[in-house]
């Protein structure tokens, strides 16, 4: 499971409140230096949304595996 900074930022945009969503948008637009600045300035937010992105990835993986199993058993 490779969660990228873009995955975290997209999760912030989609699931964050107004402030966190805007941080996500800023992270998506940032160059590497400014992205590092955002991550270092808001480590708790970044860690929380990293965990959320990982959980979402796992749920999607499980749903895909279940769908594939359903398709092969029909």
PDB file of N, CA and C in Angstrom:
ATOM      1  N   UNK A   1       0.843  -1.173   0.000  1.00  0.00           N
ATOM      2  CA  UNK A   1       0.000   0.000   0.000  1.00  0.00           C
ATOM      3  C   UNK A   1       0.889   1.237   0.000  1.00  0.00           C
ATOM      4  N   UNK A   2       0.905   1.935  -1.114  1.00  0.00           N
ATOM      5  CA  UNK A   2       1.684   3.157  -1.244  1.00  0.00           C
ATOM      6  C   UNK A   2       0.765   4.367  -1.244  1.00  0.00           C
ATOM      7  N   UNK A   3       0.616   5.017  -0.111  1.00  0.00           N
ATOM      8  CA  UNK A   3      -0.188   6.231  -0.019  1.00  0.00           C
ATOM      9  C   UNK A   3       0.752   7.403  -0.274  1.00  0.00           C
ATOM     10  N   UNK A   4       0.412   8.205  -1.262  1.00  0.00           N
ATOM     11  CA  UNK A   4       1.254   9.344  -1.630  1.00  0.00           C
ATOM     12  C   UNK A   4       0.779  10.612  -0.928  1.00  0.00           C
ATOM     13  N   UNK A   5       1.605  11.640  -0.995  1.00  0.00           N
ATOM     14  CA  UNK A   5       1.199  12.944  -0.471  1.00  0.00           C
ATOM     15  C   UNK A   5      -0.061  13.436  -1.177  1.00  0.00           C
ATOM     16  N   UNK A   6      -0.162  13.160  -2.481  1.00  0.00           N
ATOM     17  CA  UNK A   6      -1.370  13.567  -3.226  1.00  0.00           C
ATOM     18  C   UNK A   6      -2.604  12.840  -2.699  1.00  0.00           C
ATOM     19  N   UNK A   7      -2.457  11.571  -2.319  1.00  0.00           N
ATOM     20  CA  UNK A   7      -3.575  10.831  -1.740  1.00  0.00           C
ATOM     21  C   UNK A   7      -4.024  11.475  -0.429  1.00  0.00           C
ATOM     22  N   UNK A   8      -3.063  11.841   0.394  1.00  0.00           N
ATOM     23  CA  UNK A   8      -3.382  12.489   1.668  1.00  0.00           C
ATOM     24  C   UNK A   8      -4.076  13.818   1.408  1.00  0.00           C
ATOM     25  N   UNK A   9      -3.534  14.608   0.498  1.00  0.00           N
ATOM     26  CA  UNK A   9      -4.121  15.911   0.194  1.00  0.00           C
ATOM     27  C   UNK A   9      -5.536  15.760  -0.358  1.00  0.00           C
ATOM     28  N   UNK A  10      -5.753  14.788  -1.233  1.00  0.00           N
ATOM     29  CA  UNK A  10      -7.100  14.559  -1.772  1.00  0.00           C
ATOM     30  C   UNK A  10      -8.069  14.137  -0.673  1.00  0.00           C
ATOM     31  N   UNK A  11      -7.593  13.346   0.271  1.00  0.00           N
ATOM     32  CA  UNK A  11      -8.431  12.941   1.399  1.00  0.00           C
ATOM     33  C   UNK A  11      -8.781  14.154   2.250  1.00  0.00           C
ATOM     34  N   UNK A  12      -7.829  15.048   2.443  1.00  0.00           N
ATOM     35  CA  UNK A  12      -8.088  16.281   3.184  1.00  0.00           C
ATOM     36  C   UNK A  12      -9.155  17.113   2.473  1.00  0.00           C
ATOM     37  N   UNK A  13      -9.033  17.229   1.156  1.00  0.00           N
ATOM     38  CA  UNK A  13     -10.001  18.012   0.379  1.00  0.00           C
ATOM     39  C   UNK A  13     -11.392  17.403   0.506  1.00  0.00           C
ATOM     40  N   UNK A  14     -11.473  16.095   0.370  1.00  0.00           N
ATOM     41  CA  UNK A  14     -12.777  15.432   0.328  1.00  0.00           C
ATOM     42  C   UNK A  14     -13.442  15.307   1.696  1.00  0.00           C
ATOM     43  N   UNK A  15     -12.653  15.031   2.736  1.00  0.00           N
ATOM     44  CA  UNK A  15     -13.243  14.715   4.036  1.00  0.00           C
ATOM     45  C   UNK A  15     -12.982  15.749   5.120  1.00  0.00           C
ATOM     46  N   UNK A  16     -12.119  16.706   4.855  1.00  0.00           N
ATOM     47  CA  UNK A  16     -11.801  17.705   5.865  1.00  0.00           C
ATOM     48  C   UNK A  16     -12.857  18.791   5.949  1.00  0.00           C
ATOM     49  N   UNK A  17     -12.819  19.497   7.058  1.00  0.00           N
ATOM     50  CA  UNK A  17     -13.655  20.680   7.189  1.00  0.00           C
ATOM     51  C   UNK A  17     -13.118  21.779   6.280  1.00  0.00           C
ATOM     52  N   UNK A  18     -13.667  22.961   6.410  1.00  0.00           N
ATOM     53  CA  UNK A  18     -13.285  24.029   5.483  1.00  0.00           C
ATOM     54  C   UNK A  18     -11.788  24.346   5.547  1.00  0.00           C
ATOM     55  N   UNK A  19     -11.210  24.398   6.753  1.00  0.00           N
ATOM     56  CA  UNK A  19      -9.791  24.719   6.875  1.00  0.00           C
ATOM     57  C   UNK A  19      -8.919  23.599   6.324  1.00  0.00           C
ATOM     58  N   UNK A  20      -9.184  22.373   6.752  1.00  0.00           N
ATOM     59  CA  UNK A  20      -8.374  21.237   6.308  1.00  0.00           C
ATOM     60  C   UNK A  20      -8.532  21.027   4.809  1.00  0.00           C
ATOM     61  N   UNK A  21      -9.725  21.218   4.300  1.00  0.00           N
ATOM     62  CA  UNK A  21      -9.950  21.093   2.859  1.00  0.00           C
ATOM     63  C   UNK A  21      -9.089  22.096   2.092  1.00  0.00           C
ATOM     64  N   UNK A  22      -9.001  23.300   2.599  1.00  0.00           N
ATOM     65  CA  UNK A  22      -8.165  24.310   1.940  1.00  0.00           C
ATOM     66  C   UNK A  22      -6.676  23.960   2.050  1.00  0.00           C
ATOM     67  N   UNK A  23      -6.284  23.372   3.182  1.00  0.00           N
ATOM     68  CA  UNK A  23      -4.896  22.895   3.290  1.00  0.00           C
ATOM     69  C   UNK A  23      -4.626  21.823   2.240  1.00  0.00           C
ATOM     70  N   UNK A  24      -5.585  20.948   2.030  1.00  0.00           N
ATOM     71  CA  UNK A  24      -5.445  19.916   1.008  1.00  0.00           C
ATOM     72  C   UNK A  24      -5.284  20.517  -0.371  1.00  0.00           C
ATOM     73  N   UNK A  25      -6.103  21.522  -0.681  1.00  0.00           N
ATOM     74  CA  UNK A  25      -5.978  22.201  -1.976  1.00  0.00           C
ATOM     75  C   UNK A  25      -4.598  22.852  -2.112  1.00  0.00           C
ATOM     76  N   UNK A  26      -4.144  23.477  -1.030  1.00  0.00           N
ATOM     77  CA  UNK A  26      -2.817  24.110  -1.058  1.00  0.00           C
ATOM     78  C   UNK A  26      -1.733  23.059  -1.274  1.00  0.00           C
ATOM     79  N   UNK A  27      -1.868  21.917  -0.615  1.00  0.00           N
ATOM     80  CA  UNK A  27      -0.879  20.853  -0.769  1.00  0.00           C
ATOM     81  C   UNK A  27      -0.855  20.323  -2.194  1.00  0.00           C
ATOM     82  N   UNK A  28      -2.026  20.218  -2.819  1.00  0.00           N
ATOM     83  CA  UNK A  28      -2.085  19.747  -4.208  1.00  0.00           C
ATOM     84  C   UNK A  28      -1.407  20.724  -5.164  1.00  0.00           C
ATOM     85  N   UNK A  29      -1.457  22.003  -4.833  1.00  0.00           N
ATOM     86  CA  UNK A  29      -0.866  23.025  -5.697  1.00  0.00           C
ATOM     87  C   UNK A  29       0.602  23.315  -5.375  1.00  0.00           C
ATOM     88  N   UNK A  30       1.077  22.797  -4.250  1.00  0.00           N
ATOM     89  CA  UNK A  30       2.401  23.165  -3.744  1.00  0.00           C
ATOM     90  C   UNK A  30       3.537  22.485  -4.495  1.00  0.00           C
ATOM     91  N   UNK A  31       4.650  23.205  -4.575  1.00  0.00           N
ATOM     92  CA  UNK A  31       5.887  22.589  -5.031  1.00  0.00           C
ATOM     93  C   UNK A  31       6.457  21.797  -3.845  1.00  0.00           C
ATOM     94  N   UNK A  32       7.495  20.990  -4.057  1.00  0.00           N
ATOM     95  CA  UNK A  32       8.008  20.154  -2.954  1.00  0.00           C
ATOM     96  C   UNK A  32       8.393  20.932  -1.691  1.00  0.00           C
ATOM     97  N   UNK A  33       8.956  22.103  -1.847  1.00  0.00           N
ATOM     98  CA  UNK A  33       9.358  22.892  -0.675  1.00  0.00           C
ATOM     99  C   UNK A  33       8.140  23.346   0.115  1.00  0.00           C
ATOM    100  N   UNK A  34       7.129  23.867  -0.577  1.00  0.00           N
ATOM    101  CA  UNK A  34       5.935  24.330   0.115  1.00  0.00           C
ATOM    102  C   UNK A  34       5.107  23.163   0.667  1.00  0.00           C
ATOM    103  N   UNK A  35       5.133  22.033  -0.002  1.00  0.00           N
ATOM    104  CA  UNK A  35       4.454  20.858   0.538  1.00  0.00           C
ATOM    105  C   UNK A  35       5.090  20.445   1.857  1.00  0.00           C
ATOM    106  N   UNK A  36       6.406  20.439   1.908  1.00  0.00           N
ATOM    107  CA  UNK A  36       7.107  20.118   3.153  1.00  0.00           C
ATOM    108  C   UNK A  36       6.730  21.122   4.244  1.00  0.00           C
ATOM    109  N   UNK A  37       6.615  22.383   3.888  1.00  0.00           N
ATOM    110  CA  UNK A  37       6.218  23.414   4.850  1.00  0.00           C
ATOM    111  C   UNK A  37       4.834  23.123   5.414  1.00  0.00           C
ATOM    112  N   UNK A  38       3.894  22.752   4.551  1.00  0.00           N
ATOM    113  CA  UNK A  38       2.535  22.429   4.996  1.00  0.00           C
ATOM    114  C   UNK A  38       2.567  21.225   5.927  1.00  0.00           C
ATOM    115  N   UNK A  39       3.284  20.186   5.517  1.00  0.00           N
ATOM    116  CA  UNK A  39       3.348  18.972   6.345  1.00  0.00           C
ATOM    117  C   UNK A  39       3.966  19.257   7.711  1.00  0.00           C
ATOM    118  N   UNK A  40       5.010  20.067   7.736  1.00  0.00           N
ATOM    119  CA  UNK A  40       5.689  20.369   8.999  1.00  0.00           C
ATOM    120  C   UNK A  40       4.879  21.325   9.872  1.00  0.00           C
ATOM    121  N   UNK A  41       4.102  22.193   9.263  1.00  0.00           N
ATOM    122  CA  UNK A  41       3.305  23.148  10.031  1.00  0.00           C
ATOM    123  C   UNK A  41       2.070  22.508  10.653  1.00  0.00           C
ATOM    124  N   UNK A  42       1.569  21.434  10.023  1.00  0.00           N
ATOM    125  CA  UNK A  42       0.343  20.790  10.490  1.00  0.00           C
ATOM    126  C   UNK A  42       0.524  19.270  10.589  1.00  0.00           C
ATOM    127  N   UNK A  43       1.480  18.820  11.407  1.00  0.00           N
ATOM    128  CA  UNK A  43       1.773  17.378  11.442  1.00  0.00           C
ATOM    129  C   UNK A  43       0.608  16.530  11.954  1.00  0.00           C
ATOM    130  N   UNK A  44      -0.189  17.065  12.874  1.00  0.00           N
ATOM    131  CA  UNK A  44      -1.312  16.281  13.395  1.00  0.00           C
ATOM    132  C   UNK A  44      -2.361  16.069  12.307  1.00  0.00           C
ATOM    133  N   UNK A  45      -2.678  17.122  11.581  1.00  0.00           N
ATOM    134  CA  UNK A  45      -3.638  16.982  10.483  1.00  0.00           C
ATOM    135  C   UNK A  45      -3.109  15.991   9.454  1.00  0.00           C
ATOM    136  N   UNK A  46      -1.826  16.161   9.091  1.00  0.00           N
ATOM    137  CA  UNK A  46      -1.259  15.284   8.060  1.00  0.00           C
ATOM    138  C   UNK A  46      -1.312  13.827   8.503  1.00  0.00           C
ATOM    139  N   UNK A  47      -0.946  13.563   9.743  1.00  0.00           N
ATOM    140  CA  UNK A  47      -0.954  12.184  10.254  1.00  0.00           C
ATOM    141  C   UNK A  47      -2.374  11.620  10.281  1.00  0.00           C
ATOM    142  N   UNK A  48      -3.339  12.431  10.704  1.00  0.00           N
ATOM    143  CA  UNK A  48      -4.727  11.957  10.756  1.00  0.00           C
ATOM    144  C   UNK A  48      -5.253  11.611   9.365  1.00  0.00           C
ATOM    145  N   UNK A  49      -4.970  12.461   8.395  1.00  0.00           N
ATOM    146  CA  UNK A  49      -5.489  12.221   7.056  1.00  0.00           C
ATOM    147  C   UNK A  49      -4.678  11.168   6.305  1.00  0.00           C
ATOM    148  N   UNK A  50      -3.433  10.961   6.704  1.00  0.00           N
ATOM    149  CA  UNK A  50      -2.666   9.837   6.179  1.00  0.00           C
ATOM    150  C   UNK A  50      -3.317   8.529   6.628  1.00  0.00           C
ATOM    151  N   UNK A  51      -3.655   8.444   7.919  1.00  0.00           N
ATOM    152  CA  UNK A  51      -4.337   7.246   8.425  1.00  0.00           C
ATOM    153  C   UNK A  51      -5.673   7.035   7.714  1.00  0.00           C
ATOM    154  N   UNK A  52      -6.410   8.117   7.522  1.00  0.00           N
ATOM    155  CA  UNK A  52      -7.694   8.004   6.844  1.00  0.00           C
ATOM    156  C   UNK A  52      -7.510   7.537   5.403  1.00  0.00           C
ATOM    157  N   UNK A  53      -6.517   8.065   4.708  1.00  0.00           N
ATOM    158  CA  UNK A  53      -6.248   7.642   3.326  1.00  0.00           C
ATOM    159  C   UNK A  53      -5.880   6.161   3.290  1.00  0.00           C
ATOM    160  N   UNK A  54      -5.099   5.706   4.267  1.00  0.00           N
ATOM    161  CA  UNK A  54      -4.731   4.291   4.337  1.00  0.00           C
ATOM    162  C   UNK A  54      -5.968   3.423   4.579  1.00  0.00           C
ATOM    163  N   UNK A  55      -6.836   3.853   5.462  1.00  0.00           N
ATOM    164  CA  UNK A  55      -8.055   3.099   5.749  1.00  0.00           C
ATOM    165  C   UNK A  55      -8.963   3.045   4.523  1.00  0.00           C
ATOM    166  N   UNK A  56      -9.107   4.172   3.839  1.00  0.00           N
ATOM    167  CA  UNK A  56      -9.932   4.202   2.635  1.00  0.00           C
ATOM    168  C   UNK A  56      -9.364   3.286   1.553  1.00  0.00           C
ATOM    169  N   UNK A  57      -8.051   3.293   1.411  1.00  0.00           N
ATOM    170  CA  UNK A  57      -7.401   2.420   0.442  1.00  0.00           C
ATOM    171  C   UNK A  57      -7.707   0.959   0.763  1.00  0.00           C
ATOM    172  N   UNK A  58      -7.626   0.609   2.037  1.00  0.00           N
ATOM    173  CA  UNK A  58      -7.874  -0.770   2.456  1.00  0.00           C
ATOM    174  C   UNK A  58      -9.337  -1.164   2.215  1.00  0.00           C
ATOM    175  N   UNK A  59     -10.255  -0.289   2.526  1.00  0.00           N
ATOM    176  CA  UNK A  59     -11.677  -0.566   2.283  1.00  0.00           C
ATOM    177  C   UNK A  59     -11.923  -0.763   0.793  1.00  0.00           C
ATOM    178  N   UNK A  60     -11.347   0.110  -0.036  1.00  0.00           N
ATOM    179  CA  UNK A  60     -11.511  -0.026  -1.489  1.00  0.00           C
ATOM    180  C   UNK A  60     -10.887  -1.320  -2.000  1.00  0.00           C
ATOM    181  N   UNK A  61      -9.735  -1.693  -1.442  1.00  0.00           N
ATOM    182  CA  UNK A  61      -9.078  -2.940  -1.848  1.00  0.00           C
ATOM    183  C   UNK A  61      -9.946  -4.138  -1.499  1.00  0.00           C
ATOM    184  N   UNK A  62     -10.498  -4.137  -0.294  1.00  0.00           N
ATOM    185  CA  UNK A  62     -11.353  -5.243   0.125  1.00  0.00           C
ATOM    186  C   UNK A  62     -12.628  -5.322  -0.708  1.00  0.00           C
ATOM    187  N   UNK A  63     -13.212  -4.161  -1.002  1.00  0.00           N
ATOM    188  CA  UNK A  63     -14.427  -4.143  -1.820  1.00  0.00           C
ATOM    189  C   UNK A  63     -14.136  -4.651  -3.227  1.00  0.00           C
ATOM    190  N   UNK A  64     -12.994  -4.277  -3.762  1.00  0.00           N
ATOM    191  CA  UNK A  64     -12.606  -4.734  -5.093  1.00  0.00           C
ATOM    192  C   UNK A  64     -12.383  -6.242  -5.105  1.00  0.00           C
ATOM    193  N   UNK A  65     -11.726  -6.750  -4.067  1.00  0.00           N
ATOM    194  CA  UNK A  65     -11.476  -8.193  -3.977  1.00  0.00           C
ATOM    195  C   UNK A  65     -12.799  -8.944  -3.855  1.00  0.00           C
ATOM    196  N   UNK A  66     -13.703  -8.406  -3.069  1.00  0.00           N
ATOM    197  CA  UNK A  66     -15.010  -9.050  -2.904  1.00  0.00           C
ATOM    198  C   UNK A  66     -15.769  -9.035  -4.224  1.00  0.00           C
ATOM    199  N   UNK A  67     -15.728  -7.912  -4.930  1.00  0.00           N
ATOM    200  CA  UNK A  67     -16.392  -7.806  -6.225  1.00  0.00           C
ATOM    201  C   UNK A  67     -15.795  -8.800  -7.219  1.00  0.00           C
ATOM    202  N   UNK A  68     -14.479  -8.905  -7.223  1.00  0.00           N
ATOM    203  CA  UNK A  68     -13.816  -9.860  -8.116  1.00  0.00           C
ATOM    204  C   UNK A  68     -14.209 -11.293  -7.778  1.00  0.00           C
ATOM    205  N   UNK A  69     -14.302 -11.601  -6.493  1.00  0.00           N
ATOM    206  CA  UNK A  69     -14.718 -12.946  -6.073  1.00  0.00           C
ATOM    207  C   UNK A  69     -16.159 -13.221  -6.493  1.00  0.00           C
ATOM    208  N   UNK A  70     -17.025 -12.232  -6.358  1.00  0.00           N
ATOM    209  CA  UNK A  70     -18.412 -12.390  -6.771  1.00  0.00           C
ATOM    210  C   UNK A  70     -18.530 -12.621  -8.268  1.00  0.00           C
ATOM    211  N   UNK A  71     -17.694 -11.952  -9.043  1.00  0.00           N
ATOM    212  CA  UNK A  71     -17.733 -12.090 -10.493  1.00  0.00           C
ATOM    213  C   UNK A  71     -17.221 -13.453 -10.945  1.00  0.00           C
ATOM    214  N   UNK A  72     -16.289 -14.026 -10.212  1.00  0.00           N
ATOM    215  CA  UNK A  72     -15.721 -15.314 -10.628  1.00  0.00           C
ATOM    216  C   UNK A  72     -16.572 -16.493 -10.176  1.00  0.00           C
ATOM    217  N   UNK A  73     -17.461 -16.281  -9.219  1.00  0.00           N
ATOM    218  CA  UNK A  73     -18.284 -17.390  -8.733  1.00  0.00           C
ATOM    219  C   UNK A  73     -19.656 -17.446  -9.395  1.00  0.00           C
ATOM    220  N   UNK A  74     -19.930 -16.541 -10.302  1.00  0.00           N
ATOM    221  CA  UNK A  74     -21.244 -16.541 -10.989  1.00  0.00           C
ATOM    222  C   UNK A  74     -21.248 -17.456 -12.166  1.00  0.00           C
TER     223      UNK A  74
END
